Amino acid sequence: MILLIIFLLVLLADQYSKLLVQQDMIIGQSIPIIQRIFHFTYVQNTGGAFGILRGRTNLFIVVSIMVILFIVYFMLKEEKKDTFIKIVFSGVLGGAISNLIDRMRLGYVVDFIDFQVWPVFNIADSAISVGLVLLLLRLFFRKEKPLVSKRQEQ
């Protein structure tokens, strides 16, 4: 149940925030929240993270679908083995599907969170990025049982 809640929270928060931006702002408009530090800036991103490969919407649709299918397969296969990873993947999945919805529906992803020193992004991008960092940290700090060689067993 927690996995569904996290997935829906990311998906719905991202889609709702993008809807508000589209309704209340014009493309390129920037509203300072904290002057020169944090703004809401409406951008239509036809590329990937940081705007790379602009205009390659179909490529990102295909890649997104492949990533989503991998995550769903992994989560179904994992069963109850690693709850932390499944929780992280729930957020990543919500973000990936939300950005896919934008690409398929609009032909671009709506971005609006602007820290002025970083490319403009959205809630889905945050969920994906934080999820990937948590997964990397988990892999880096994972405590595996040491492998026992056959000689030690004898």
Protein backbone atom coordinates (compact mmCIF):
# COMPACT_ATOMS: atom_id res chain seq x y z
CA MET A 1 0.00 0.00 0.00
CA ILE A 2 2.86 2.41 0.81
CA LEU A 3 4.30 1.80 -2.65
CA LEU A 4 1.04 2.85 -4.30
CA ILE A 5 0.79 5.94 -2.08
CA ILE A 6 4.32 7.08 -2.95
CA PHE A 7 3.74 6.42 -6.65
CA LEU A 8 0.45 8.35 -6.67
CA LEU A 9 1.81 11.19 -4.52
CA VAL A 10 4.67 11.85 -6.95
CA LEU A 11 2.50 11.42 -10.06
CA LEU A 12 -0.39 13.58 -8.86
CA ALA A 13 1.75 16.30 -7.25
CA ASP A 14 3.78 16.61 -10.43
CA GLN A 15 0.80 16.66 -12.79
CA TYR A 16 -1.16 19.11 -10.61
CA SER A 17 1.78 21.51 -10.22
CA LYS A 18 2.36 21.47 -13.98
CA LEU A 19 -1.32 22.16 -14.60
CA LEU A 20 -1.16 25.20 -12.30
CA VAL A 21 1.94 26.50 -14.07
CA GLN A 22 0.31 26.09 -17.50
CA GLN A 23 -2.87 27.84 -16.34
CA ASP A 24 -1.25 30.74 -14.49
CA MET A 25 1.97 31.45 -16.40
CA ILE A 26 3.11 32.10 -19.95
CA ILE A 27 6.10 30.32 -21.50
CA GLY A 28 9.34 31.91 -20.32
CA GLN A 29 7.71 33.80 -17.47
CA SER A 30 9.73 33.77 -14.26
CA ILE A 31 8.26 34.58 -10.85
CA PRO A 32 10.86 35.20 -8.13
CA ILE A 33 10.06 33.43 -4.88
CA ILE A 34 13.45 34.31 -3.35
CA GLN A 35 15.11 36.93 -5.57
CA ARG A 36 18.12 35.56 -7.56
CA ILE A 37 17.90 32.23 -5.69
CA PHE A 38 14.58 30.50 -6.31
CA HIS A 39 12.04 31.26 -9.04
CA PHE A 40 9.13 29.57 -10.76
CA THR A 41 10.04 29.73 -14.46
CA TYR A 42 7.78 28.12 -17.06
CA VAL A 43 9.80 26.13 -19.59
CA GLN A 44 8.69 23.58 -22.19
CA ASN A 45 11.45 20.97 -22.37
CA THR A 46 11.51 18.87 -25.56
CA GLY A 47 14.75 17.18 -24.47
CA GLY A 48 15.92 15.06 -21.58
CA ALA A 49 17.52 16.02 -18.30
CA PHE A 50 19.10 19.48 -18.51
CA GLY A 51 17.52 19.88 -21.95
CA ILE A 52 19.93 17.50 -23.68
CA LEU A 53 18.89 16.14 -27.08
CA ARG A 54 16.21 18.77 -27.60
CA GLY A 55 13.45 17.82 -29.99
CA ARG A 56 13.96 14.08 -29.58
CA THR A 57 10.57 13.51 -27.96
CA ASN A 58 9.98 10.14 -29.64
CA LEU A 59 13.34 8.86 -28.42
CA PHE A 60 12.49 9.88 -24.85
CA ILE A 61 9.05 8.28 -25.11
CA VAL A 62 10.64 4.96 -26.13
CA VAL A 63 13.36 5.17 -23.45
CA SER A 64 10.80 6.12 -20.79
CA ILE A 65 8.59 3.17 -21.65
CA MET A 66 11.57 0.81 -21.48
CA VAL A 67 12.64 2.20 -18.07
CA ILE A 68 9.07 2.00 -16.75
CA LEU A 69 8.73 -1.61 -17.90
CA PHE A 70 12.08 -2.49 -16.27
CA ILE A 71 11.03 -0.91 -12.96
CA VAL A 72 7.65 -2.67 -12.96
CA TYR A 73 9.33 -6.00 -13.83
CA PHE A 74 11.92 -5.51 -11.09
CA MET A 75 9.31 -4.58 -8.48
CA LEU A 76 7.16 -7.61 -9.34
CA LYS A 77 10.18 -9.90 -9.32
CA GLU A 78 11.58 -8.56 -6.04
CA GLU A 79 8.45 -9.47 -4.09
CA LYS A 80 9.27 -8.60 -0.47
CA LYS A 81 13.06 -8.90 -0.59
CA ASP A 82 14.09 -5.23 -0.37
CA THR A 83 11.42 -2.80 0.76
CA PHE A 84 13.74 0.22 0.62
CA ILE A 85 14.52 -0.28 -3.07
CA LYS A 86 10.84 -0.84 -3.86
CA ILE A 87 9.92 2.39 -2.06
CA VAL A 88 12.59 4.31 -3.99
CA PHE A 89 11.47 2.74 -7.28
CA SER A 90 7.86 3.76 -6.52
CA GLY A 91 8.89 7.42 -6.52
CA VAL A 92 11.04 7.01 -9.62
CA LEU A 93 8.17 5.24 -11.37
CA GLY A 94 5.74 8.05 -10.47
CA GLY A 95 8.16 10.63 -11.88
CA ALA A 96 8.92 8.66 -15.03
CA ILE A 97 5.25 8.09 -15.81
CA SER A 98 4.36 11.72 -15.11
CA ASN A 99 7.03 13.01 -17.52
CA LEU A 100 5.93 10.36 -20.07
CA ILE A 101 2.36 11.66 -19.81
CA ASP A 102 3.64 15.15 -20.66
CA ARG A 103 5.68 13.94 -23.62
CA MET A 104 2.82 11.89 -25.05
CA ARG A 105 0.11 14.48 -24.38
CA LEU A 106 1.99 17.72 -25.07
CA GLY A 107 5.15 16.78 -26.97
CA TYR A 108 7.30 18.30 -24.20
CA VAL A 109 7.77 18.22 -20.43
CA VAL A 110 6.63 21.16 -18.32
CA ASP A 111 9.47 22.40 -16.09
CA PHE A 112 9.18 25.25 -13.60
CA ILE A 113 11.43 24.86 -10.53
CA ASP A 114 14.33 27.25 -11.07
CA PHE A 115 17.24 27.69 -8.65
CA GLN A 116 18.96 30.07 -11.10
CA VAL A 117 22.25 28.10 -11.05
CA TRP A 118 20.78 24.82 -12.29
CA PRO A 119 18.59 23.94 -15.29
CA VAL A 120 14.84 24.31 -14.68
CA PHE A 121 13.16 21.07 -13.56
CA ASN A 122 9.93 19.70 -12.04
CA ILE A 123 8.70 17.45 -9.21
CA ALA A 124 9.00 14.31 -11.36
CA ASP A 125 12.63 15.13 -12.16
CA SER A 126 13.26 15.57 -8.44
CA ALA A 127 11.72 12.20 -7.60
CA ILE A 128 13.76 10.49 -10.30
CA SER A 129 17.02 12.20 -9.30
CA VAL A 130 16.60 11.65 -5.56
CA GLY A 131 15.60 8.04 -6.22
CA LEU A 132 18.69 7.38 -8.33
CA VAL A 133 20.96 8.97 -5.72
CA LEU A 134 19.37 6.84 -2.97
CA LEU A 135 19.82 3.71 -5.08
CA LEU A 136 23.48 4.53 -5.71
CA LEU A 137 24.07 5.21 -2.01
CA ARG A 138 22.36 1.93 -1.15
CA LEU A 139 24.56 0.03 -3.56
CA PHE A 140 27.68 1.82 -2.35
CA PHE A 141 27.03 1.25 1.36
CA ARG A 142 25.34 -2.14 1.06
CA LYS A 143 26.63 -4.67 3.54
CA GLU A 144 26.88 -7.98 1.75
CA LYS A 145 27.63 -11.20 3.51
CA PRO A 146 31.20 -12.11 2.68
CA LEU A 147 31.57 -14.82 0.11
CA VAL A 148 32.84 -18.05 1.63
CA SER A 149 35.31 -19.91 -0.50
CA LYS A 150 35.04 -23.66 -0.86
CA ARG A 151 38.28 -24.10 1.09
CA GLN A 152 36.86 -22.27 4.10
CA GLU A 153 33.79 -24.50 4.11
CA GLN A 154 35.87 -27.69 4.31
